[in-house]
Amino acid sequence: MGVQMPFADFQKSTAGAALPPGLGGPLRALWLDAAGRWDEAHEAAQAAGGADGAWVHAYLHRKEGDEMNAGYWYARAGQPAATGGLAAEWEAIARALLAKL
């Protein structure tokens, strides 16, 4: 991807109107979710594919209250189903994905 971004900068950017340049699909999906654009976030996670996209996809379905669908996507991601708060999960996923940049 070629872009590096500390978590605090990524989180702060969600208050802005424009996506930071160079974000891959899963991070783009998290950014869109934080910006209140769930449908677009879901589309981005779905399009991203792979384990990271599936992880964000799981989080998004958990957020909407669809635990069964979320469970499917956690399994696809190879991640345990989250049980904590949504904000903590969003942060954990974002930090993990940002560490891969």
PDB file of N, CA and C in Angstrom:
ATOM      1  N   MET A   1       0.818  -1.194   0.000  1.00  0.00           N
ATOM      2  CA  MET A   1       0.000   0.000   0.000  1.00  0.00           C
ATOM      3  C   MET A   1       0.863   1.259   0.000  1.00  0.00           C
ATOM      4  N   GLY A   2       1.963   1.236   0.742  1.00  0.00           N
ATOM      5  CA  GLY A   2       2.882   2.340   0.698  1.00  0.00           C
ATOM      6  C   GLY A   2       2.527   3.530   1.569  1.00  0.00           C
ATOM      7  N   VAL A   3       1.487   3.443   2.352  1.00  0.00           N
ATOM      8  CA  VAL A   3       1.116   4.545   3.231  1.00  0.00           C
ATOM      9  C   VAL A   3       1.230   4.056   4.669  1.00  0.00           C
ATOM     10  N   GLN A   4       1.741   4.907   5.546  1.00  0.00           N
ATOM     11  CA  GLN A   4       1.788   4.562   6.963  1.00  0.00           C
ATOM     12  C   GLN A   4       0.986   5.604   7.711  1.00  0.00           C
ATOM     13  N   MET A   5       0.234   5.139   8.699  1.00  0.00           N
ATOM     14  CA  MET A   5      -0.598   6.061   9.448  1.00  0.00           C
ATOM     15  C   MET A   5      -0.744   5.554  10.881  1.00  0.00           C
ATOM     16  N   PRO A   6      -0.373   6.367  11.865  1.00  0.00           N
ATOM     17  CA  PRO A   6      -0.613   5.982  13.250  1.00  0.00           C
ATOM     18  C   PRO A   6      -2.121   5.889  13.521  1.00  0.00           C
ATOM     19  N   PHE A   7      -2.489   5.051  14.486  1.00  0.00           N
ATOM     20  CA  PHE A   7      -3.900   4.876  14.798  1.00  0.00           C
ATOM     21  C   PHE A   7      -4.578   6.204  15.118  1.00  0.00           C
ATOM     22  N   ALA A   8      -3.930   7.042  15.930  1.00  0.00           N
ATOM     23  CA  ALA A   8      -4.550   8.317  16.322  1.00  0.00           C
ATOM     24  C   ALA A   8      -4.873   9.176  15.102  1.00  0.00           C
ATOM     25  N   ASP A   9      -4.003   9.174  14.112  1.00  0.00           N
ATOM     26  CA  ASP A   9      -4.252   9.948  12.892  1.00  0.00           C
ATOM     27  C   ASP A   9      -5.408   9.351  12.091  1.00  0.00           C
ATOM     28  N   PHE A  10      -5.453   8.024  12.028  1.00  0.00           N
ATOM     29  CA  PHE A  10      -6.547   7.357  11.317  1.00  0.00           C
ATOM     30  C   PHE A  10      -7.880   7.674  11.991  1.00  0.00           C
ATOM     31  N   GLN A  11      -7.902   7.540  13.305  1.00  0.00           N
ATOM     32  CA  GLN A  11      -9.134   7.806  14.054  1.00  0.00           C
ATOM     33  C   GLN A  11      -9.572   9.261  13.876  1.00  0.00           C
ATOM     34  N   LYS A  12      -8.636  10.177  13.974  1.00  0.00           N
ATOM     35  CA  LYS A  12      -8.944  11.599  13.813  1.00  0.00           C
ATOM     36  C   LYS A  12      -9.472  11.897  12.411  1.00  0.00           C
ATOM     37  N   SER A  13      -8.945  11.199  11.421  1.00  0.00           N
ATOM     38  CA  SER A  13      -9.354  11.449  10.036  1.00  0.00           C
ATOM     39  C   SER A  13     -10.823  11.128   9.791  1.00  0.00           C
ATOM     40  N   THR A  14     -11.417  10.287  10.626  1.00  0.00           N
ATOM     41  CA  THR A  14     -12.817   9.902  10.415  1.00  0.00           C
ATOM     42  C   THR A  14     -13.777  11.063  10.665  1.00  0.00           C
ATOM     43  N   ALA A  15     -13.293  12.116  11.299  1.00  0.00           N
ATOM     44  CA  ALA A  15     -14.136  13.300  11.512  1.00  0.00           C
ATOM     45  C   ALA A  15     -14.156  14.194  10.278  1.00  0.00           C
ATOM     46  N   GLY A  16     -13.267  13.932   9.333  1.00  0.00           N
ATOM     47  CA  GLY A  16     -13.198  14.733   8.117  1.00  0.00           C
ATOM     48  C   GLY A  16     -14.154  14.232   7.055  1.00  0.00           C
ATOM     49  N   ALA A  17     -14.209  14.966   5.981  1.00  0.00           N
ATOM     50  CA  ALA A  17     -15.137  14.625   4.899  1.00  0.00           C
ATOM     51  C   ALA A  17     -14.523  13.703   3.860  1.00  0.00           C
ATOM     52  N   ALA A  18     -13.196  13.655   3.812  1.00  0.00           N
ATOM     53  CA  ALA A  18     -12.542  12.895   2.746  1.00  0.00           C
ATOM     54  C   ALA A  18     -11.716  11.744   3.303  1.00  0.00           C
ATOM     55  N   LEU A  19     -11.804  10.619   2.638  1.00  0.00           N
ATOM     56  CA  LEU A  19     -10.976   9.463   2.981  1.00  0.00           C
ATOM     57  C   LEU A  19      -9.504   9.811   2.808  1.00  0.00           C
ATOM     58  N   PRO A  20      -8.654   9.381   3.728  1.00  0.00           N
ATOM     59  CA  PRO A  20      -7.221   9.559   3.506  1.00  0.00           C
ATOM     60  C   PRO A  20      -6.791   8.759   2.274  1.00  0.00           C
ATOM     61  N   PRO A  21      -5.856   9.266   1.505  1.00  0.00           N
ATOM     62  CA  PRO A  21      -5.421   8.546   0.297  1.00  0.00           C
ATOM     63  C   PRO A  21      -4.681   7.260   0.652  1.00  0.00           C
ATOM     64  N   GLY A  22      -4.817   6.278  -0.208  1.00  0.00           N
ATOM     65  CA  GLY A  22      -4.034   5.060  -0.089  1.00  0.00           C
ATOM     66  C   GLY A  22      -4.568   3.989   0.833  1.00  0.00           C
ATOM     67  N   LEU A  23      -5.777   4.157   1.353  1.00  0.00           N
ATOM     68  CA  LEU A  23      -6.324   3.138   2.245  1.00  0.00           C
ATOM     69  C   LEU A  23      -6.855   1.962   1.437  1.00  0.00           C
ATOM     70  N   GLY A  24      -6.484   0.754   1.853  1.00  0.00           N
ATOM     71  CA  GLY A  24      -7.019  -0.445   1.225  1.00  0.00           C
ATOM     72  C   GLY A  24      -8.452  -0.692   1.665  1.00  0.00           C
ATOM     73  N   GLY A  25      -9.092  -1.654   1.035  1.00  0.00           N
ATOM     74  CA  GLY A  25     -10.506  -1.928   1.266  1.00  0.00           C
ATOM     75  C   GLY A  25     -10.936  -2.100   2.706  1.00  0.00           C
ATOM     76  N   PRO A  26     -10.266  -2.952   3.508  1.00  0.00           N
ATOM     77  CA  PRO A  26     -10.713  -3.130   4.886  1.00  0.00           C
ATOM     78  C   PRO A  26     -10.601  -1.853   5.721  1.00  0.00           C
ATOM     79  N   LEU A  27      -9.504  -1.120   5.585  1.00  0.00           N
ATOM     80  CA  LEU A  27      -9.373   0.142   6.325  1.00  0.00           C
ATOM     81  C   LEU A  27     -10.352   1.185   5.802  1.00  0.00           C
ATOM     82  N   ARG A  28     -10.570   1.181   4.520  1.00  0.00           N
ATOM     83  CA  ARG A  28     -11.562   2.088   3.925  1.00  0.00           C
ATOM     84  C   ARG A  28     -12.933   1.787   4.522  1.00  0.00           C
ATOM     85  N   ALA A  29     -13.261   0.511   4.660  1.00  0.00           N
ATOM     86  CA  ALA A  29     -14.547   0.117   5.238  1.00  0.00           C
ATOM     87  C   ALA A  29     -14.670   0.589   6.684  1.00  0.00           C
ATOM     88  N   LEU A  30     -13.610   0.441   7.467  1.00  0.00           N
ATOM     89  CA  LEU A  30     -13.655   0.920   8.856  1.00  0.00           C
ATOM     90  C   LEU A  30     -13.826   2.430   8.910  1.00  0.00           C
ATOM     91  N   TRP A  31     -13.118   3.131   8.024  1.00  0.00           N
ATOM     92  CA  TRP A  31     -13.227   4.587   7.981  1.00  0.00           C
ATOM     93  C   TRP A  31     -14.664   4.992   7.651  1.00  0.00           C
ATOM     94  N   LEU A  32     -15.242   4.363   6.644  1.00  0.00           N
ATOM     95  CA  LEU A  32     -16.622   4.679   6.245  1.00  0.00           C
ATOM     96  C   LEU A  32     -17.601   4.385   7.377  1.00  0.00           C
ATOM     97  N   ASP A  33     -17.381   3.291   8.092  1.00  0.00           N
ATOM     98  CA  ASP A  33     -18.239   2.967   9.230  1.00  0.00           C
ATOM     99  C   ASP A  33     -18.161   4.058  10.293  1.00  0.00           C
ATOM    100  N   ALA A  34     -16.946   4.467  10.623  1.00  0.00           N
ATOM    101  CA  ALA A  34     -16.778   5.508  11.643  1.00  0.00           C
ATOM    102  C   ALA A  34     -17.391   6.826  11.205  1.00  0.00           C
ATOM    103  N   ALA A  35     -17.450   7.044   9.899  1.00  0.00           N
ATOM    104  CA  ALA A  35     -18.047   8.268   9.358  1.00  0.00           C
ATOM    105  C   ALA A  35     -19.571   8.154   9.248  1.00  0.00           C
ATOM    106  N   GLY A  36     -20.130   7.043   9.734  1.00  0.00           N
ATOM    107  CA  GLY A  36     -21.581   6.879   9.719  1.00  0.00           C
ATOM    108  C   GLY A  36     -22.136   6.417   8.387  1.00  0.00           C
ATOM    109  N   ARG A  37     -21.284   5.833   7.568  1.00  0.00           N
ATOM    110  CA  ARG A  37     -21.694   5.404   6.222  1.00  0.00           C
ATOM    111  C   ARG A  37     -21.661   3.877   6.146  1.00  0.00           C
ATOM    112  N   TRP A  38     -22.543   3.218   6.944  1.00  0.00           N
ATOM    113  CA  TRP A  38     -22.529   1.768   7.100  1.00  0.00           C
ATOM    114  C   TRP A  38     -22.691   1.044   5.768  1.00  0.00           C
ATOM    115  N   ASP A  39     -23.632   1.455   4.944  1.00  0.00           N
ATOM    116  CA  ASP A  39     -23.866   0.753   3.676  1.00  0.00           C
ATOM    117  C   ASP A  39     -22.620   0.768   2.791  1.00  0.00           C
ATOM    118  N   GLU A  40     -21.972   1.912   2.713  1.00  0.00           N
ATOM    119  CA  GLU A  40     -20.740   2.002   1.920  1.00  0.00           C
ATOM    120  C   GLU A  40     -19.627   1.173   2.554  1.00  0.00           C
ATOM    121  N   ALA A  41     -19.590   1.181   3.889  1.00  0.00           N
ATOM    122  CA  ALA A  41     -18.596   0.376   4.599  1.00  0.00           C
ATOM    123  C   ALA A  41     -18.797  -1.103   4.299  1.00  0.00           C
ATOM    124  N   HIS A  42     -20.045  -1.530   4.306  1.00  0.00           N
ATOM    125  CA  HIS A  42     -20.360  -2.929   4.025  1.00  0.00           C
ATOM    126  C   HIS A  42     -19.926  -3.296   2.609  1.00  0.00           C
ATOM    127  N   GLU A  43     -20.217  -2.436   1.661  1.00  0.00           N
ATOM    128  CA  GLU A  43     -19.804  -2.681   0.271  1.00  0.00           C
ATOM    129  C   GLU A  43     -18.283  -2.786   0.161  1.00  0.00           C
ATOM    130  N   ALA A  44     -17.573  -1.897   0.852  1.00  0.00           N
ATOM    131  CA  ALA A  44     -16.106  -1.901   0.794  1.00  0.00           C
ATOM    132  C   ALA A  44     -15.529  -3.162   1.428  1.00  0.00           C
ATOM    133  N   ALA A  45     -16.095  -3.586   2.550  1.00  0.00           N
ATOM    134  CA  ALA A  45     -15.615  -4.806   3.210  1.00  0.00           C
ATOM    135  C   ALA A  45     -15.871  -6.019   2.333  1.00  0.00           C
ATOM    136  N   GLN A  46     -17.034  -6.062   1.741  1.00  0.00           N
ATOM    137  CA  GLN A  46     -17.403  -7.177   0.875  1.00  0.00           C
ATOM    138  C   GLN A  46     -16.486  -7.234  -0.351  1.00  0.00           C
ATOM    139  N   ALA A  47     -16.215  -6.089  -0.929  1.00  0.00           N
ATOM    140  CA  ALA A  47     -15.362  -6.027  -2.119  1.00  0.00           C
ATOM    141  C   ALA A  47     -13.901  -6.342  -1.798  1.00  0.00           C
ATOM    142  N   ALA A  48     -13.487  -6.061  -0.557  1.00  0.00           N
ATOM    143  CA  ALA A  48     -12.085  -6.264  -0.179  1.00  0.00           C
ATOM    144  C   ALA A  48     -11.693  -7.735  -0.214  1.00  0.00           C
ATOM    145  N   GLY A  49     -12.608  -8.597   0.197  1.00  0.00           N
ATOM    146  CA  GLY A  49     -12.302 -10.022   0.235  1.00  0.00           C
ATOM    147  C   GLY A  49     -11.193 -10.327   1.226  1.00  0.00           C
ATOM    148  N   GLY A  50     -10.712 -11.540   1.216  1.00  0.00           N
ATOM    149  CA  GLY A  50      -9.626 -11.947   2.099  1.00  0.00           C
ATOM    150  C   GLY A  50     -10.031 -11.960   3.560  1.00  0.00           C
ATOM    151  N   ALA A  51      -9.092 -12.377   4.394  1.00  0.00           N
ATOM    152  CA  ALA A  51      -9.356 -12.486   5.827  1.00  0.00           C
ATOM    153  C   ALA A  51      -9.617 -11.123   6.466  1.00  0.00           C
ATOM    154  N   ASP A  52      -8.876 -10.096   6.043  1.00  0.00           N
ATOM    155  CA  ASP A  52      -9.070  -8.767   6.634  1.00  0.00           C
ATOM    156  C   ASP A  52     -10.434  -8.192   6.272  1.00  0.00           C
ATOM    157  N   GLY A  53     -10.832  -8.347   5.029  1.00  0.00           N
ATOM    158  CA  GLY A  53     -12.159  -7.893   4.620  1.00  0.00           C
ATOM    159  C   GLY A  53     -13.251  -8.638   5.363  1.00  0.00           C
ATOM    160  N   ALA A  54     -13.050  -9.941   5.561  1.00  0.00           N
ATOM    161  CA  ALA A  54     -14.030 -10.747   6.290  1.00  0.00           C
ATOM    162  C   ALA A  54     -14.127 -10.308   7.746  1.00  0.00           C
ATOM    163  N   TRP A  55     -13.000  -9.928   8.336  1.00  0.00           N
ATOM    164  CA  TRP A  55     -12.999  -9.478   9.733  1.00  0.00           C
ATOM    165  C   TRP A  55     -13.819  -8.198   9.879  1.00  0.00           C
ATOM    166  N   VAL A  56     -13.588  -7.243   8.999  1.00  0.00           N
ATOM    167  CA  VAL A  56     -14.368  -6.003   9.038  1.00  0.00           C
ATOM    168  C   VAL A  56     -15.833  -6.302   8.729  1.00  0.00           C
ATOM    169  N   HIS A  57     -16.073  -7.190   7.796  1.00  0.00           N
ATOM    170  CA  HIS A  57     -17.433  -7.594   7.438  1.00  0.00           C
ATOM    171  C   HIS A  57     -18.147  -8.161   8.670  1.00  0.00           C
ATOM    172  N   ALA A  58     -17.447  -9.003   9.436  1.00  0.00           N
ATOM    173  CA  ALA A  58     -18.014  -9.569  10.664  1.00  0.00           C
ATOM    174  C   ALA A  58     -18.386  -8.465  11.647  1.00  0.00           C
ATOM    175  N   TYR A  59     -17.459  -7.541  11.866  1.00  0.00           N
ATOM    176  CA  TYR A  59     -17.713  -6.420  12.774  1.00  0.00           C
ATOM    177  C   TYR A  59     -18.956  -5.645  12.340  1.00  0.00           C
ATOM    178  N   LEU A  60     -19.071  -5.372  11.058  1.00  0.00           N
ATOM    179  CA  LEU A  60     -20.209  -4.589  10.563  1.00  0.00           C
ATOM    180  C   LEU A  60     -21.535  -5.311  10.802  1.00  0.00           C
ATOM    181  N   HIS A  61     -21.565  -6.619  10.599  1.00  0.00           N
ATOM    182  CA  HIS A  61     -22.806  -7.359  10.856  1.00  0.00           C
ATOM    183  C   HIS A  61     -23.099  -7.435  12.350  1.00  0.00           C
ATOM    184  N   ARG A  62     -22.067  -7.541  13.159  1.00  0.00           N
ATOM    185  CA  ARG A  62     -22.269  -7.507  14.614  1.00  0.00           C
ATOM    186  C   ARG A  62     -22.846  -6.153  15.018  1.00  0.00           C
ATOM    187  N   LYS A  63     -22.332  -5.104  14.431  1.00  0.00           N
ATOM    188  CA  LYS A  63     -22.807  -3.760  14.751  1.00  0.00           C
ATOM    189  C   LYS A  63     -24.283  -3.599  14.417  1.00  0.00           C
ATOM    190  N   GLU A  64     -24.719  -4.204  13.318  1.00  0.00           N
ATOM    191  CA  GLU A  64     -26.130  -4.081  12.944  1.00  0.00           C
ATOM    192  C   GLU A  64     -27.014  -5.053  13.720  1.00  0.00           C
ATOM    193  N   GLY A  65     -26.405  -5.902  14.556  1.00  0.00           N
ATOM    194  CA  GLY A  65     -27.175  -6.829  15.378  1.00  0.00           C
ATOM    195  C   GLY A  65     -27.415  -8.186  14.746  1.00  0.00           C
ATOM    196  N   ASP A  66     -26.776  -8.466  13.631  1.00  0.00           N
ATOM    197  CA  ASP A  66     -26.938  -9.743  12.936  1.00  0.00           C
ATOM    198  C   ASP A  66     -25.826 -10.695  13.385  1.00  0.00           C
ATOM    199  N   GLU A  67     -26.000 -11.257  14.581  1.00  0.00           N
ATOM    200  CA  GLU A  67     -24.961 -12.102  15.180  1.00  0.00           C
ATOM    201  C   GLU A  67     -24.686 -13.363  14.358  1.00  0.00           C
ATOM    202  N   MET A  68     -25.717 -13.940  13.759  1.00  0.00           N
ATOM    203  CA  MET A  68     -25.514 -15.167  12.984  1.00  0.00           C
ATOM    204  C   MET A  68     -24.618 -14.895  11.772  1.00  0.00           C
ATOM    205  N   ASN A  69     -24.924 -13.846  11.045  1.00  0.00           N
ATOM    206  CA  ASN A  69     -24.114 -13.489   9.886  1.00  0.00           C
ATOM    207  C   ASN A  69     -22.710 -13.081  10.329  1.00  0.00           C
ATOM    208  N   ALA A  70     -22.625 -12.351  11.428  1.00  0.00           N
ATOM    209  CA  ALA A  70     -21.315 -11.963  11.953  1.00  0.00           C
ATOM    210  C   ALA A  70     -20.481 -13.202  12.263  1.00  0.00           C
ATOM    211  N   GLY A  71     -21.096 -14.199  12.886  1.00  0.00           N
ATOM    212  CA  GLY A  71     -20.378 -15.427  13.223  1.00  0.00           C
ATOM    213  C   GLY A  71     -19.788 -16.105  11.998  1.00  0.00           C
ATOM    214  N   TYR A  72     -20.555 -16.116  10.929  1.00  0.00           N
ATOM    215  CA  TYR A  72     -20.064 -16.682   9.672  1.00  0.00           C
ATOM    216  C   TYR A  72     -18.808 -15.939   9.214  1.00  0.00           C
ATOM    217  N   TRP A  73     -18.848 -14.615   9.259  1.00  0.00           N
ATOM    218  CA  TRP A  73     -17.719 -13.825   8.762  1.00  0.00           C
ATOM    219  C   TRP A  73     -16.520 -13.880   9.698  1.00  0.00           C
ATOM    220  N   TYR A  74     -16.752 -13.995  11.022  1.00  0.00           N
ATOM    221  CA  TYR A  74     -15.616 -14.197  11.934  1.00  0.00           C
ATOM    222  C   TYR A  74     -14.907 -15.502  11.579  1.00  0.00           C
ATOM    223  N   ALA A  75     -15.686 -16.548  11.311  1.00  0.00           N
ATOM    224  CA  ALA A  75     -15.088 -17.834  10.939  1.00  0.00           C
ATOM    225  C   ALA A  75     -14.299 -17.703   9.638  1.00  0.00           C
ATOM    226  N   ARG A  76     -14.845 -17.003   8.663  1.00  0.00           N
ATOM    227  CA  ARG A  76     -14.142 -16.788   7.387  1.00  0.00           C
ATOM    228  C   ARG A  76     -12.844 -16.010   7.599  1.00  0.00           C
ATOM    229  N   ALA A  77     -12.863 -15.107   8.579  1.00  0.00           N
ATOM    230  CA  ALA A  77     -11.681 -14.288   8.864  1.00  0.00           C
ATOM    231  C   ALA A  77     -10.646 -15.031   9.699  1.00  0.00           C
ATOM    232  N   GLY A  78     -11.044 -16.159  10.293  1.00  0.00           N
ATOM    233  CA  GLY A  78     -10.140 -16.860  11.195  1.00  0.00           C
ATOM    234  C   GLY A  78      -9.975 -16.136  12.513  1.00  0.00           C
ATOM    235  N   GLN A  79     -11.000 -15.385  12.899  1.00  0.00           N
ATOM    236  CA  GLN A  79     -10.976 -14.596  14.132  1.00  0.00           C
ATOM    237  C   GLN A  79     -12.053 -15.103  15.085  1.00  0.00           C
ATOM    238  N   PRO A  80     -11.792 -15.033  16.394  1.00  0.00           N
ATOM    239  CA  PRO A  80     -12.854 -15.388  17.337  1.00  0.00           C
ATOM    240  C   PRO A  80     -13.948 -14.327  17.298  1.00  0.00           C
ATOM    241  N   ALA A  81     -15.175 -14.743  17.535  1.00  0.00           N
ATOM    242  CA  ALA A  81     -16.278 -13.778  17.590  1.00  0.00           C
ATOM    243  C   ALA A  81     -16.033 -12.813  18.741  1.00  0.00           C
ATOM    244  N   ALA A  82     -16.162 -11.541  18.467  1.00  0.00           N
ATOM    245  CA  ALA A  82     -15.942 -10.514  19.486  1.00  0.00           C
ATOM    246  C   ALA A  82     -17.091 -10.517  20.483  1.00  0.00           C
ATOM    247  N   THR A  83     -16.770 -10.200  21.722  1.00  0.00           N
ATOM    248  CA  THR A  83     -17.796 -10.132  22.760  1.00  0.00           C
ATOM    249  C   THR A  83     -17.773  -8.800  23.495  1.00  0.00           C
ATOM    250  N   GLY A  84     -16.744  -8.006  23.291  1.00  0.00           N
ATOM    251  CA  GLY A  84     -16.629  -6.720  23.967  1.00  0.00           C
ATOM    252  C   GLY A  84     -17.409  -5.636  23.249  1.00  0.00           C
ATOM    253  N   GLY A  85     -17.115  -4.419  23.592  1.00  0.00           N
ATOM    254  CA  GLY A  85     -17.797  -3.280  22.994  1.00  0.00           C
ATOM    255  C   GLY A  85     -17.409  -3.072  21.540  1.00  0.00           C
ATOM    256  N   LEU A  86     -18.306  -2.462  20.805  1.00  0.00           N
ATOM    257  CA  LEU A  86     -18.062  -2.216  19.381  1.00  0.00           C
ATOM    258  C   LEU A  86     -16.902  -1.251  19.157  1.00  0.00           C
ATOM    259  N   ALA A  87     -16.809  -0.220  19.983  1.00  0.00           N
ATOM    260  CA  ALA A  87     -15.717   0.747  19.812  1.00  0.00           C
ATOM    261  C   ALA A  87     -14.364   0.079  20.035  1.00  0.00           C
ATOM    262  N   ALA A  88     -14.292  -0.798  21.022  1.00  0.00           N
ATOM    263  CA  ALA A  88     -13.040  -1.508  21.291  1.00  0.00           C
ATOM    264  C   ALA A  88     -12.694  -2.445  20.140  1.00  0.00           C
ATOM    265  N   GLU A  89     -13.704  -3.080  19.570  1.00  0.00           N
ATOM    266  CA  GLU A  89     -13.453  -3.969  18.438  1.00  0.00           C
ATOM    267  C   GLU A  89     -12.990  -3.171  17.219  1.00  0.00           C
ATOM    268  N   TRP A  90     -13.652  -2.052  16.945  1.00  0.00           N
ATOM    269  CA  TRP A  90     -13.253  -1.205  15.817  1.00  0.00           C
ATOM    270  C   TRP A  90     -11.786  -0.811  15.965  1.00  0.00           C
ATOM    271  N   GLU A  91     -11.414  -0.387  17.175  1.00  0.00           N
ATOM    272  CA  GLU A  91     -10.034   0.026  17.419  1.00  0.00           C
ATOM    273  C   GLU A  91      -9.064  -1.135  17.231  1.00  0.00           C
ATOM    274  N   ALA A  92      -9.409  -2.305  17.752  1.00  0.00           N
ATOM    275  CA  ALA A  92      -8.522  -3.467  17.632  1.00  0.00           C
ATOM    276  C   ALA A  92      -8.300  -3.843  16.167  1.00  0.00           C
ATOM    277  N   ILE A  93      -9.374  -3.830  15.388  1.00  0.00           N
ATOM    278  CA  ILE A  93      -9.243  -4.160  13.965  1.00  0.00           C
ATOM    279  C   ILE A  93      -8.409  -3.097  13.259  1.00  0.00           C
ATOM    280  N   ALA A  94      -8.714  -1.833  13.527  1.00  0.00           N
ATOM    281  CA  ALA A  94      -7.969  -0.745  12.881  1.00  0.00           C
ATOM    282  C   ALA A  94      -6.485  -0.831  13.207  1.00  0.00           C
ATOM    283  N   ARG A  95      -6.159  -1.047  14.463  1.00  0.00           N
ATOM    284  CA  ARG A  95      -4.748  -1.143  14.854  1.00  0.00           C
ATOM    285  C   ARG A  95      -4.059  -2.316  14.152  1.00  0.00           C
ATOM    286  N   ALA A  96      -4.749  -3.447  14.086  1.00  0.00           N
ATOM    287  CA  ALA A  96      -4.166  -4.623  13.431  1.00  0.00           C
ATOM    288  C   ALA A  96      -3.930  -4.362  11.945  1.00  0.00           C
ATOM    289  N   LEU A  97      -4.888  -3.734  11.297  1.00  0.00           N
ATOM    290  CA  LEU A  97      -4.747  -3.461   9.861  1.00  0.00           C
ATOM    291  C   LEU A  97      -3.702  -2.383   9.588  1.00  0.00           C
ATOM    292  N   LEU A  98      -3.671  -1.354  10.424  1.00  0.00           N
ATOM    293  CA  LEU A  98      -2.673  -0.298  10.247  1.00  0.00           C
ATOM    294  C   LEU A  98      -1.258  -0.833  10.443  1.00  0.00           C
ATOM    295  N   ALA A  99      -1.107  -1.812  11.327  1.00  0.00           N
ATOM    296  CA  ALA A  99       0.213  -2.402  11.575  1.00  0.00           C
ATOM    297  C   ALA A  99       0.739  -3.153  10.352  1.00  0.00           C
ATOM    298  N   LYS A 100      -0.157  -3.526   9.449  1.00  0.00           N
ATOM    299  CA  LYS A 100       0.244  -4.247   8.234  1.00  0.00           C
ATOM    300  C   LYS A 100       0.691  -3.317   7.108  1.00  0.00           C
ATOM    301  N   LEU A 101       0.469  -2.011   7.276  1.00  0.00           N
ATOM    302  CA  LEU A 101       0.823  -1.075   6.200  1.00  0.00           C
ATOM    303  C   LEU A 101       2.327  -0.936   6.069  1.00  0.00           C
TER     304      LEU A 101
END
